[in-house]
């Protein structure tokens, strides 16, 4: 219902009502030696994983009196591939 209501709003793009589905957890084990070999910190790896899967709010847009977050994240195909 909400998707159908928002789609016709001028300026609305890529409107998708994403149902909350009970998916399992993804457990990631960071190879600290390999990361260190390439000069990458564990924090760098964790930040990249967070950005790829969950996205990050990078700015916000203001439409009249409302503020909306603008989020970036990896494409769905990349997020769904465990490798």
Foldseek 3Di string as FASTA:
>chain_A
DVLVVPVVPPPDDPRDDDDDDDDDDDDDDDPQVVCVVVPHHPVNVVVLLCCAAVWDFDDWDDDPHDIGTDTHYHDPVVNVDSD
